[in-house]
Amino acid sequence: MQFLSRPLAFAVFVFAGCFLEAADYFSPQHRLSAIGADRAELTPAVLEARTARMIQSQTFAIMREPQAVAGAERIAGPRLASIFRAAAASSGLPVSLISAVAYLESWGDAQAVSPAGPKGIMQFSEATARAAGLRVVRVTQFKTVSQRKLVRNKAGTPIYRTVRRKIPYTVTVRDDRLKPERAVPAAANYLARLETKFGARDWAIFAYHCGEGCVSELLPMTETALSRKAPPSVAEMFFAASPARHAELYEALQRHMQRDYSPTYWFRVERAEQLLSLFHNDPAAFRELAEQYRNPINPDHRANDRLKVWLKQEDVFYRSLEDLKQASGHRLQPMFDDPQFFGVSLPALPPDQELYLQASPAAIGTLLYIAFETHRLFDVLKPKGEHFAPLQVTELVSTTDRPAEAGSLLVDPEFPEHSTGQVFDIDRSNLGRGERECLDFMLEDIGWDGYLGFVQVTGDTLHIGCSPSSREFFASVFQDAIEEKWKLRPSTSGQ
């Protein structure tokens, strides 16, 4: 995920000090707009801003791939560039769109084969390829095999004889999917037909990845949910759905997200167009961006999560308890100990380990903000038979020399993320089904805007941290918590 520039990142922060709702739990003054329970307030301007951030957030999904640079070089090569231009002329679609789809589907590799079956630069399935006018021809051939078999002769004596038999097998003698000069124009014309069928280019792109049946299901569902006469956009579909609002649409999207992340494909294509334009105009800047997303542990493999690329060597690494003492009250702050008010429950540690109940102000603010938005969505959803349970934190800051018994998770000796003070772990195992759904939705909702990264680690534990560009905002949430604690709840114990 590309780091958001400050003007873009902080343009969506809302100072809500004058209209805090009455709540018996922490409610920060600084807010993110149209997040969670506030998705109902998705005005055209906010939708445009969220769409732009969602497109930017796809940088991680694209640039973490080891083939990101080599793929751009192939796509921009003279042979493929000529094929893309010809396909654009015949289909009426932009060259940038056709090349972006080829980039995401195969990284420009004409011989790419997916384990699921699609092949070639445009990753056509066989059925779709035939429907698009491509030829896939197979013939049946036979091979003769010899086998020693025990038989009886006329006298009934067992003897061995060599038995020969023919075994049929299929040979592909022609597969147009593997020929870019045929596959690219076919894909472009197929996209153009999808645009005509569904009435908009974004839905055509969505259908290319998800399938026509998928869009035939989701488009009318979105129209019904939004009560709109004008055709909705893919972005409106994506941001309209939540567990508490348009739940049927939300559940349908979740099914497709779990299958292949198709609902994010249009955003990804948009970002791929931007990145290929960057490669064309400034190849050095493109390569520098790709370097930022390389897996720091193994550059030949893609990074598993955003935190692997967000936490750089310039982040502070705490090596011992003495380091934590030196940072306490400055780079590190004690976590608030009031589960009912702040919605966060801390692990029980002996007194000599309490320095581990600290984190950076940004990390604490991130944790408190997640708890706040989860609680607020929970109040709207009102899961039957459930009461909101404080989020169980299992790990905050750690040190590189921390003994294993001091915490719930071992520190990774190759990349000790907890020793930066910028991440924390939450255990979801104690949450009811409704609250868990609210938490998972909020993590995704904040994450799609580029503010958050998370990954599941051991068991049901989530490893979470904010993006470097949003640390200032979440540090402001931490300051809100300090002010509300001392001004509004002066008798509260804790920090």
Foldseek 3Di string as FASTA:
>chain_A
DDFDDQVLVVVQWAQQVVPDDDDLADDFRIDGACFFVRVVVCDPVNLVSLLVLLLVLCCLVQLLALLNLVLLCLLPDPVNLVLLVVLCVVQVDDSLLLSLQLCVPASNQQADADPVAFGGSNRDHPVVCVVLPWDWDKDKDKDKDWDWDWDADPVRDTDTDIDIDIDIDMDTPDGCRSPSSRNSSSVSNQLSVLCVVVVHSLLSQLCSPQNPVLSVVQQVLLCVQVVDPPGDGLSSLVSQDDCLGSNVSNVSQVVSCVVPNSSSRSSNSVSSSVLSVCCVVPVVVSVVSSVLQAQPVDSNHGDPKPLSSQDDPVQDFAADVVSLVVPYPHQKYAAFDDCVHQLAHEDDAPPVLSSFRIAGLLQNLVLSVLSVSLVVSCVSNVPPPDDRHRWYWFGFADHLPDDPVRGDDDADNVCRSSRSRFKTKTACPVDDPSSVSSSVSSQVSCVSSQFKMWDQDPDRMIIIGTGPSCSVVSSSSSVSVVCCCCPVPVPGDGD
